[in-house]
């Protein structure tokens, strides 16, 4: 395998942002934006749990139970968003597993947006738009060529 056939920044001497085609860079940026929105949504869910307890006037075990449920959900939303950021970095480096992971998480996220559309339509629209365009950009012809280029099992000599 010659050096010109090798793919990925580890073997071409370029940074990931230089080696990736613009479609992959677009998808990377959109995944980052979507993950940041998700982290903010997770924080808002945690704050909503506290506000629900205060507004409803719950006290004692009911208040604690409500807050704990919202905090757990908010933390899970933020953790999945952080995982998407990590997967997006590997996707930028040309890893097929990262593209597959982001596709699966994106589709699951789009299904979950039905709940968000009921409460926060503008943010839900942004999530949906970012996710759909990011998924499509990962499967355009230049992106496919970038992900399908061979990776050697060991670094070249």
N, C-alpha and C. Protein backbone atom coordinates (compact mmCIF):
# COMPACT_ATOMS: atom_id res chain seq x y z
N UNK A 1 0.86 -1.17 0.00
CA UNK A 1 0.00 0.00 0.00
C UNK A 1 0.90 1.24 0.00
N UNK A 2 0.72 2.10 -0.95
CA UNK A 2 1.56 3.29 -1.05
C UNK A 2 1.01 4.39 -0.15
N UNK A 3 1.84 5.39 0.09
CA UNK A 3 1.43 6.50 0.95
C UNK A 3 0.26 7.27 0.37
N UNK A 4 0.11 7.28 -0.93
CA UNK A 4 -1.00 8.03 -1.54
C UNK A 4 -2.33 7.33 -1.33
N UNK A 5 -2.31 6.02 -1.03
CA UNK A 5 -3.54 5.28 -0.80
C UNK A 5 -3.99 5.33 0.65
N UNK A 6 -3.15 5.80 1.52
CA UNK A 6 -3.47 5.83 2.95
C UNK A 6 -4.46 6.96 3.23
N UNK A 7 -5.34 6.72 4.17
CA UNK A 7 -6.36 7.70 4.50
C UNK A 7 -6.22 8.10 5.96
N UNK A 8 -6.67 9.28 6.25
CA UNK A 8 -6.68 9.75 7.63
C UNK A 8 -5.47 10.59 7.94
N UNK A 9 -5.65 11.53 8.84
CA UNK A 9 -4.56 12.45 9.17
C UNK A 9 -3.35 11.77 9.81
N UNK A 10 -3.55 10.60 10.41
CA UNK A 10 -2.41 9.92 11.04
C UNK A 10 -1.39 9.47 10.02
N UNK A 11 -1.82 9.23 8.78
CA UNK A 11 -0.95 8.67 7.76
C UNK A 11 -0.59 9.65 6.66
N UNK A 12 -1.33 10.75 6.55
CA UNK A 12 -1.05 11.70 5.48
C UNK A 12 -0.21 12.88 5.95
N UNK A 13 -0.03 13.03 7.24
CA UNK A 13 0.74 14.14 7.77
C UNK A 13 -0.05 15.43 7.87
N UNK A 14 -1.33 15.40 7.54
CA UNK A 14 -2.19 16.58 7.63
C UNK A 14 -2.98 16.54 8.93
N UNK A 15 -3.50 17.69 9.31
CA UNK A 15 -4.43 17.70 10.42
C UNK A 15 -5.77 17.16 9.93
N UNK A 16 -6.64 16.78 10.86
CA UNK A 16 -7.93 16.24 10.46
C UNK A 16 -8.74 17.27 9.67
N UNK A 17 -8.62 18.53 10.04
CA UNK A 17 -9.36 19.57 9.32
C UNK A 17 -8.81 19.78 7.92
N UNK A 18 -7.56 19.48 7.69
CA UNK A 18 -7.00 19.60 6.34
C UNK A 18 -7.31 18.37 5.50
N UNK A 19 -7.29 17.20 6.10
CA UNK A 19 -7.45 15.95 5.35
C UNK A 19 -8.89 15.69 4.94
N UNK A 20 -9.84 16.12 5.76
CA UNK A 20 -11.25 15.81 5.51
C UNK A 20 -11.83 16.67 4.39
N UNK A 21 -12.72 16.08 3.59
CA UNK A 21 -13.42 16.89 2.58
C UNK A 21 -14.39 17.86 3.25
N UNK A 22 -14.83 18.86 2.52
CA UNK A 22 -15.67 19.89 3.13
C UNK A 22 -16.98 19.33 3.66
N UNK A 23 -17.49 18.25 3.07
CA UNK A 23 -18.73 17.65 3.53
C UNK A 23 -18.58 17.10 4.95
N UNK A 24 -17.44 16.47 5.21
CA UNK A 24 -17.17 15.93 6.54
C UNK A 24 -16.95 17.07 7.53
N UNK A 25 -16.29 18.14 7.09
CA UNK A 25 -16.09 19.31 7.96
C UNK A 25 -17.44 19.95 8.31
N UNK A 26 -18.33 20.05 7.32
CA UNK A 26 -19.67 20.59 7.58
C UNK A 26 -20.40 19.72 8.59
N UNK A 27 -20.36 18.42 8.39
CA UNK A 27 -21.02 17.50 9.31
C UNK A 27 -20.43 17.63 10.72
N UNK A 28 -19.12 17.73 10.79
CA UNK A 28 -18.44 17.89 12.10
C UNK A 28 -18.94 19.14 12.81
N UNK A 29 -18.97 20.26 12.10
CA UNK A 29 -19.44 21.51 12.71
C UNK A 29 -20.89 21.42 13.16
N UNK A 30 -21.72 20.77 12.36
CA UNK A 30 -23.13 20.62 12.74
C UNK A 30 -23.30 19.69 13.94
N UNK A 31 -22.51 18.63 14.00
CA UNK A 31 -22.58 17.74 15.17
C UNK A 31 -22.14 18.49 16.43
N UNK A 32 -21.11 19.33 16.29
CA UNK A 32 -20.69 20.13 17.46
C UNK A 32 -21.80 21.08 17.89
N UNK A 33 -22.40 21.78 16.94
CA UNK A 33 -23.47 22.72 17.27
C UNK A 33 -24.65 21.99 17.91
N UNK A 34 -24.99 20.83 17.36
CA UNK A 34 -26.11 20.06 17.90
C UNK A 34 -25.80 19.56 19.30
N UNK A 35 -24.57 19.14 19.53
CA UNK A 35 -24.19 18.66 20.86
C UNK A 35 -24.21 19.80 21.88
N UNK A 36 -23.78 20.98 21.47
CA UNK A 36 -23.82 22.13 22.38
C UNK A 36 -25.27 22.46 22.73
N UNK A 37 -26.16 22.41 21.73
CA UNK A 37 -27.58 22.61 22.01
C UNK A 37 -28.11 21.56 22.99
N UNK A 38 -27.65 20.33 22.82
CA UNK A 38 -28.10 19.25 23.71
C UNK A 38 -27.59 19.45 25.13
N UNK A 39 -26.35 19.91 25.26
CA UNK A 39 -25.82 20.16 26.61
C UNK A 39 -26.63 21.27 27.28
N UNK A 40 -26.93 22.32 26.52
CA UNK A 40 -27.76 23.39 27.07
C UNK A 40 -29.16 22.88 27.42
N UNK A 41 -29.70 21.99 26.60
CA UNK A 41 -31.01 21.40 26.90
C UNK A 41 -30.95 20.57 28.18
N UNK A 42 -29.88 19.83 28.38
CA UNK A 42 -29.71 19.06 29.61
C UNK A 42 -29.69 19.95 30.84
N UNK A 43 -28.99 21.08 30.71
CA UNK A 43 -28.94 22.04 31.83
C UNK A 43 -30.33 22.61 32.08
N UNK A 44 -31.06 22.91 31.02
CA UNK A 44 -32.42 23.44 31.18
C UNK A 44 -33.36 22.42 31.80
N UNK A 45 -33.18 21.15 31.49
CA UNK A 45 -34.00 20.11 32.10
C UNK A 45 -33.74 20.06 33.60
N UNK A 46 -32.49 20.18 34.00
CA UNK A 46 -32.17 20.18 35.43
C UNK A 46 -32.81 21.39 36.11
N UNK A 47 -32.68 22.55 35.50
CA UNK A 47 -33.31 23.76 36.07
C UNK A 47 -34.83 23.63 36.10
N UNK A 48 -35.41 22.99 35.08
CA UNK A 48 -36.86 22.79 35.05
C UNK A 48 -37.31 21.93 36.22
N UNK A 49 -36.53 20.94 36.57
CA UNK A 49 -36.88 20.09 37.71
C UNK A 49 -36.96 20.88 39.01
N UNK A 50 -36.02 21.77 39.18
CA UNK A 50 -36.03 22.62 40.38
C UNK A 50 -37.23 23.57 40.33
N UNK A 51 -37.47 24.17 39.18
CA UNK A 51 -38.57 25.12 39.05
C UNK A 51 -39.94 24.45 39.22
N UNK A 52 -40.07 23.23 38.71
CA UNK A 52 -41.34 22.51 38.87
C UNK A 52 -41.63 22.29 40.35
N UNK A 53 -40.63 21.90 41.10
CA UNK A 53 -40.83 21.68 42.54
C UNK A 53 -41.21 22.97 43.25
N UNK A 54 -40.60 24.07 42.86
CA UNK A 54 -40.89 25.36 43.49
C UNK A 54 -42.28 25.85 43.11
N UNK A 55 -42.62 25.79 41.83
CA UNK A 55 -43.90 26.30 41.36
C UNK A 55 -45.07 25.48 41.89
N UNK A 56 -44.92 24.17 41.87
CA UNK A 56 -45.98 23.30 42.35
C UNK A 56 -46.08 23.37 43.87
N UNK A 57 -45.01 23.71 44.49
CA UNK A 57 -45.01 23.81 45.95
C UNK A 57 -44.78 22.47 46.62
N UNK A 58 -44.16 21.55 45.90
CA UNK A 58 -43.88 20.24 46.48
C UNK A 58 -42.82 20.38 47.56
N UNK A 59 -42.97 19.57 48.58
CA UNK A 59 -41.98 19.59 49.65
C UNK A 59 -41.69 18.17 50.08
N UNK A 60 -40.62 18.00 50.79
CA UNK A 60 -40.25 16.69 51.31
C UNK A 60 -39.83 15.73 50.21
N UNK A 61 -40.34 14.50 50.30
CA UNK A 61 -39.94 13.43 49.39
C UNK A 61 -40.39 13.69 47.96
N UNK A 62 -41.56 14.33 47.80
CA UNK A 62 -42.05 14.60 46.45
C UNK A 62 -41.12 15.57 45.72
N UNK A 63 -40.67 16.60 46.40
CA UNK A 63 -39.76 17.57 45.78
C UNK A 63 -38.43 16.92 45.44
N UNK A 64 -37.90 16.14 46.37
CA UNK A 64 -36.62 15.50 46.14
C UNK A 64 -36.72 14.50 44.98
N UNK A 65 -37.80 13.74 44.95
CA UNK A 65 -37.99 12.77 43.87
C UNK A 65 -38.08 13.44 42.51
N UNK A 66 -38.83 14.55 42.45
CA UNK A 66 -38.96 15.28 41.19
C UNK A 66 -37.61 15.83 40.73
N UNK A 67 -36.91 16.45 41.63
CA UNK A 67 -35.61 17.03 41.29
C UNK A 67 -34.63 15.95 40.86
N UNK A 68 -34.61 14.82 41.55
CA UNK A 68 -33.68 13.73 41.20
C UNK A 68 -33.97 13.20 39.81
N UNK A 69 -35.22 13.00 39.47
CA UNK A 69 -35.58 12.50 38.14
C UNK A 69 -35.11 13.47 37.06
N UNK A 70 -35.39 14.76 37.25
CA UNK A 70 -34.98 15.75 36.25
C UNK A 70 -33.46 15.86 36.16
N UNK A 71 -32.78 15.78 37.29
CA UNK A 71 -31.31 15.86 37.27
C UNK A 71 -30.72 14.66 36.53
N UNK A 72 -31.25 13.47 36.78
CA UNK A 72 -30.74 12.27 36.08
C UNK A 72 -30.97 12.40 34.58
N UNK A 73 -32.16 12.82 34.18
CA UNK A 73 -32.45 12.97 32.75
C UNK A 73 -31.54 14.04 32.13
N UNK A 74 -31.36 15.17 32.82
CA UNK A 74 -30.49 16.24 32.32
C UNK A 74 -29.05 15.79 32.17
N UNK A 75 -28.56 15.03 33.13
CA UNK A 75 -27.18 14.53 33.06
C UNK A 75 -27.03 13.53 31.92
N UNK A 76 -28.02 12.65 31.73
CA UNK A 76 -27.95 11.69 30.62
C UNK A 76 -27.94 12.39 29.27
N UNK A 77 -28.76 13.43 29.13
CA UNK A 77 -28.78 14.21 27.89
C UNK A 77 -27.41 14.83 27.63
N UNK A 78 -26.81 15.40 28.66
CA UNK A 78 -25.50 16.04 28.50
C UNK A 78 -24.41 15.01 28.21
N UNK A 79 -24.47 13.84 28.86
CA UNK A 79 -23.45 12.81 28.62
C UNK A 79 -23.52 12.26 27.19
N UNK A 80 -24.72 12.05 26.69
CA UNK A 80 -24.85 11.59 25.31
C UNK A 80 -24.33 12.66 24.34
N UNK A 81 -24.55 13.92 24.68
CA UNK A 81 -24.04 15.01 23.84
C UNK A 81 -22.51 15.02 23.85
N UNK A 82 -21.90 14.80 24.99
CA UNK A 82 -20.44 14.75 25.07
C UNK A 82 -19.92 13.56 24.25
N UNK A 83 -20.62 12.43 24.32
CA UNK A 83 -20.22 11.27 23.50
C UNK A 83 -20.32 11.60 22.02
N UNK A 84 -21.34 12.37 21.62
CA UNK A 84 -21.47 12.76 20.21
C UNK A 84 -20.29 13.65 19.79
N UNK A 85 -19.83 14.50 20.69
CA UNK A 85 -18.67 15.34 20.37
C UNK A 85 -17.44 14.45 20.14
N UNK A 86 -17.25 13.47 21.00
CA UNK A 86 -16.11 12.56 20.86
C UNK A 86 -16.22 11.78 19.55
N UNK A 87 -17.41 11.27 19.26
CA UNK A 87 -17.61 10.53 18.00
C UNK A 87 -17.40 11.45 16.79
N UNK A 88 -17.80 12.71 16.91
CA UNK A 88 -17.61 13.65 15.80
C UNK A 88 -16.13 13.89 15.52
N UNK A 89 -15.32 13.93 16.56
CA UNK A 89 -13.88 14.10 16.38
C UNK A 89 -13.31 12.90 15.61
N UNK A 90 -13.73 11.70 16.00
CA UNK A 90 -13.26 10.51 15.28
C UNK A 90 -13.83 10.44 13.86
N UNK A 91 -15.06 10.94 13.69
CA UNK A 91 -15.65 11.00 12.35
C UNK A 91 -14.82 11.93 11.47
N UNK A 92 -14.38 13.04 12.01
CA UNK A 92 -13.55 13.98 11.26
C UNK A 92 -12.24 13.32 10.83
N UNK A 93 -11.76 12.37 11.62
CA UNK A 93 -10.53 11.65 11.30
C UNK A 93 -10.76 10.49 10.34
N UNK A 94 -12.01 10.29 9.92
CA UNK A 94 -12.30 9.29 8.90
C UNK A 94 -12.66 7.91 9.43
N UNK A 95 -13.06 7.80 10.67
CA UNK A 95 -13.40 6.50 11.24
C UNK A 95 -14.84 6.12 10.90
N UNK A 96 -15.03 5.00 10.21
CA UNK A 96 -16.38 4.58 9.85
C UNK A 96 -17.27 4.29 11.05
N UNK A 97 -16.69 3.73 12.13
CA UNK A 97 -17.51 3.43 13.31
C UNK A 97 -18.11 4.70 13.88
N UNK A 98 -17.39 5.81 13.81
CA UNK A 98 -17.90 7.07 14.34
C UNK A 98 -19.06 7.57 13.49
N UNK A 99 -18.94 7.44 12.18
CA UNK A 99 -20.03 7.84 11.29
C UNK A 99 -21.27 7.00 11.57
N UNK A 100 -21.09 5.70 11.74
CA UNK A 100 -22.22 4.82 12.03
C UNK A 100 -22.86 5.16 13.38
N UNK A 101 -22.03 5.42 14.37
CA UNK A 101 -22.53 5.78 15.70
C UNK A 101 -23.31 7.08 15.65
N UNK A 102 -22.78 8.07 14.97
CA UNK A 102 -23.48 9.35 14.87
C UNK A 102 -24.79 9.20 14.09
N UNK A 103 -24.80 8.35 13.09
CA UNK A 103 -26.04 8.13 12.35
C UNK A 103 -27.11 7.52 13.25
N UNK A 104 -26.73 6.50 14.01
CA UNK A 104 -27.68 5.85 14.91
C UNK A 104 -28.16 6.83 15.98
N UNK A 105 -27.24 7.55 16.61
CA UNK A 105 -27.63 8.51 17.63
C UNK A 105 -28.47 9.64 17.05
N UNK A 106 -28.16 10.05 15.82
CA UNK A 106 -28.94 11.10 15.17
C UNK A 106 -30.37 10.67 14.90
N UNK A 107 -30.54 9.45 14.41
CA UNK A 107 -31.90 8.95 14.14
C UNK A 107 -32.68 8.79 15.44
N UNK A 108 -32.04 8.26 16.46
CA UNK A 108 -32.71 8.15 17.77
C UNK A 108 -33.06 9.54 18.29
N UNK A 109 -32.16 10.49 18.12
CA UNK A 109 -32.42 11.87 18.55
C UNK A 109 -33.58 12.50 17.79
N UNK A 110 -33.68 12.21 16.50
CA UNK A 110 -34.79 12.74 15.71
C UNK A 110 -36.12 12.16 16.19
N UNK A 111 -36.12 10.90 16.56
CA UNK A 111 -37.33 10.29 17.10
C UNK A 111 -37.70 10.96 18.43
N UNK A 112 -36.69 11.23 19.25
CA UNK A 112 -36.92 11.86 20.54
C UNK A 112 -37.32 13.32 20.46
N UNK A 113 -37.13 13.93 19.30
CA UNK A 113 -37.49 15.33 19.15
C UNK A 113 -38.99 15.57 19.21
N UNK A 114 -39.78 14.52 19.08
CA UNK A 114 -41.23 14.70 19.17
C UNK A 114 -41.63 15.28 20.52
N UNK A 115 -40.92 14.91 21.56
CA UNK A 115 -41.19 15.47 22.89
C UNK A 115 -40.74 16.92 22.95
N UNK A 116 -39.59 17.22 22.37
CA UNK A 116 -39.07 18.58 22.40
C UNK A 116 -39.93 19.54 21.57
N UNK A 117 -40.53 19.04 20.50
CA UNK A 117 -41.41 19.88 19.68
C UNK A 117 -42.63 20.35 20.47
N UNK A 118 -43.01 19.62 21.49
CA UNK A 118 -44.17 20.00 22.30
C UNK A 118 -43.84 21.10 23.29
N UNK A 119 -42.56 21.27 23.60
CA UNK A 119 -42.21 22.26 24.63
C UNK A 119 -41.40 23.43 24.10
N UNK A 120 -40.51 23.20 23.15
CA UNK A 120 -39.60 24.25 22.71
C UNK A 120 -39.38 24.12 21.19
N UNK A 121 -40.29 24.66 20.44
CA UNK A 121 -40.29 24.47 18.99
C UNK A 121 -39.03 25.04 18.31
N UNK A 122 -38.58 26.26 18.60
CA UNK A 122 -37.39 26.77 17.88
C UNK A 122 -36.13 25.93 18.10
N UNK A 123 -35.90 25.50 19.33
CA UNK A 123 -34.72 24.68 19.61
C UNK A 123 -34.88 23.30 18.96
N UNK A 124 -36.09 22.77 18.98
CA UNK A 124 -36.34 21.48 18.34
C UNK A 124 -36.11 21.57 16.83
N UNK A 125 -36.51 22.66 16.22
CA UNK A 125 -36.28 22.85 14.79
C UNK A 125 -34.78 22.92 14.50
N UNK A 126 -34.03 23.62 15.35
CA UNK A 126 -32.58 23.70 15.16
C UNK A 126 -31.94 22.32 15.31
N UNK A 127 -32.34 21.57 16.34
CA UNK A 127 -31.83 20.20 16.52
C UNK A 127 -32.11 19.36 15.27
N UNK A 128 -33.34 19.41 14.80
CA UNK A 128 -33.73 18.59 13.65
C UNK A 128 -32.94 18.99 12.41
N UNK A 129 -32.84 20.27 12.15
CA UNK A 129 -32.12 20.75 10.97
C UNK A 129 -30.64 20.36 11.02
N UNK A 130 -30.00 20.63 12.16
CA UNK A 130 -28.58 20.29 12.31
C UNK A 130 -28.36 18.80 12.12
N UNK A 131 -29.21 17.98 12.73
CA UNK A 131 -29.03 16.54 12.68
C UNK A 131 -29.24 15.99 11.28
N UNK A 132 -30.29 16.43 10.61
CA UNK A 132 -30.58 15.91 9.27
C UNK A 132 -29.47 16.30 8.29
N UNK A 133 -29.05 17.55 8.31
CA UNK A 133 -27.99 17.98 7.39
C UNK A 133 -26.67 17.29 7.72
N UNK A 134 -26.37 17.10 9.01
CA UNK A 134 -25.13 16.43 9.40
C UNK A 134 -25.12 14.98 8.93
N UNK A 135 -26.25 14.29 9.06
CA UNK A 135 -26.31 12.90 8.61
C UNK A 135 -26.17 12.82 7.09
N UNK A 136 -26.88 13.67 6.37
CA UNK A 136 -26.80 13.65 4.91
C UNK A 136 -25.38 13.96 4.45
N UNK A 137 -24.73 14.94 5.06
CA UNK A 137 -23.37 15.33 4.66
C UNK A 137 -22.38 14.19 4.87
N UNK A 138 -22.62 13.33 5.85
CA UNK A 138 -21.70 12.22 6.10
C UNK A 138 -21.77 11.15 5.02
N UNK A 139 -22.84 11.16 4.21
CA UNK A 139 -23.02 10.11 3.21
C UNK A 139 -22.95 10.61 1.78
N UNK A 140 -22.52 11.84 1.57
CA UNK A 140 -22.32 12.35 0.23
C UNK A 140 -21.11 11.65 -0.41
N UNK A 141 -20.97 11.66 -1.75
CA UNK A 141 -19.91 10.89 -2.40
C UNK A 141 -18.49 11.17 -1.88
N UNK A 142 -18.12 12.43 -1.68
CA UNK A 142 -16.77 12.72 -1.17
C UNK A 142 -16.58 12.18 0.23
N UNK A 143 -17.62 12.25 1.04
CA UNK A 143 -17.55 11.71 2.39
C UNK A 143 -17.39 10.20 2.36
N UNK A 144 -18.17 9.54 1.51
CA UNK A 144 -18.05 8.08 1.39
C UNK A 144 -16.64 7.67 0.99
N UNK A 145 -16.06 8.38 0.05
CA UNK A 145 -14.69 8.06 -0.37
C UNK A 145 -13.71 8.25 0.78
N UNK A 146 -13.90 9.27 1.57
CA UNK A 146 -13.03 9.54 2.72
C UNK A 146 -13.13 8.43 3.75
N UNK A 147 -14.34 7.96 4.02
CA UNK A 147 -14.52 6.91 5.03
C UNK A 147 -14.13 5.53 4.51
N UNK A 148 -14.19 5.32 3.22
CA UNK A 148 -13.89 4.00 2.65
C UNK A 148 -12.43 3.82 2.30
N UNK A 149 -11.63 4.87 2.34
CA UNK A 149 -10.21 4.72 2.04
C UNK A 149 -9.58 3.82 3.10
N UNK A 150 -8.66 2.95 2.71
CA UNK A 150 -8.12 1.95 3.64
C UNK A 150 -7.23 2.56 4.71
N UNK A 151 -7.31 1.95 5.87
CA UNK A 151 -6.40 2.27 6.98
C UNK A 151 -5.49 1.05 7.15
N UNK A 152 -4.20 1.24 7.15
CA UNK A 152 -3.33 0.09 7.34
C UNK A 152 -3.40 -0.39 8.80
N UNK A 153 -3.12 -1.67 8.99
CA UNK A 153 -3.16 -2.23 10.35
C UNK A 153 -2.04 -1.67 11.21
N UNK A 154 -0.92 -1.36 10.60
CA UNK A 154 0.21 -0.78 11.33
C UNK A 154 0.65 0.47 10.60
N UNK A 155 1.32 1.34 11.32
CA UNK A 155 1.82 2.60 10.72
C UNK A 155 2.88 2.26 9.70
N UNK A 156 2.92 3.04 8.59
CA UNK A 156 3.94 2.76 7.55
C UNK A 156 5.34 3.05 8.07
N UNK A 157 6.28 2.33 7.48
CA UNK A 157 7.70 2.52 7.88
C UNK A 157 8.28 3.74 7.26
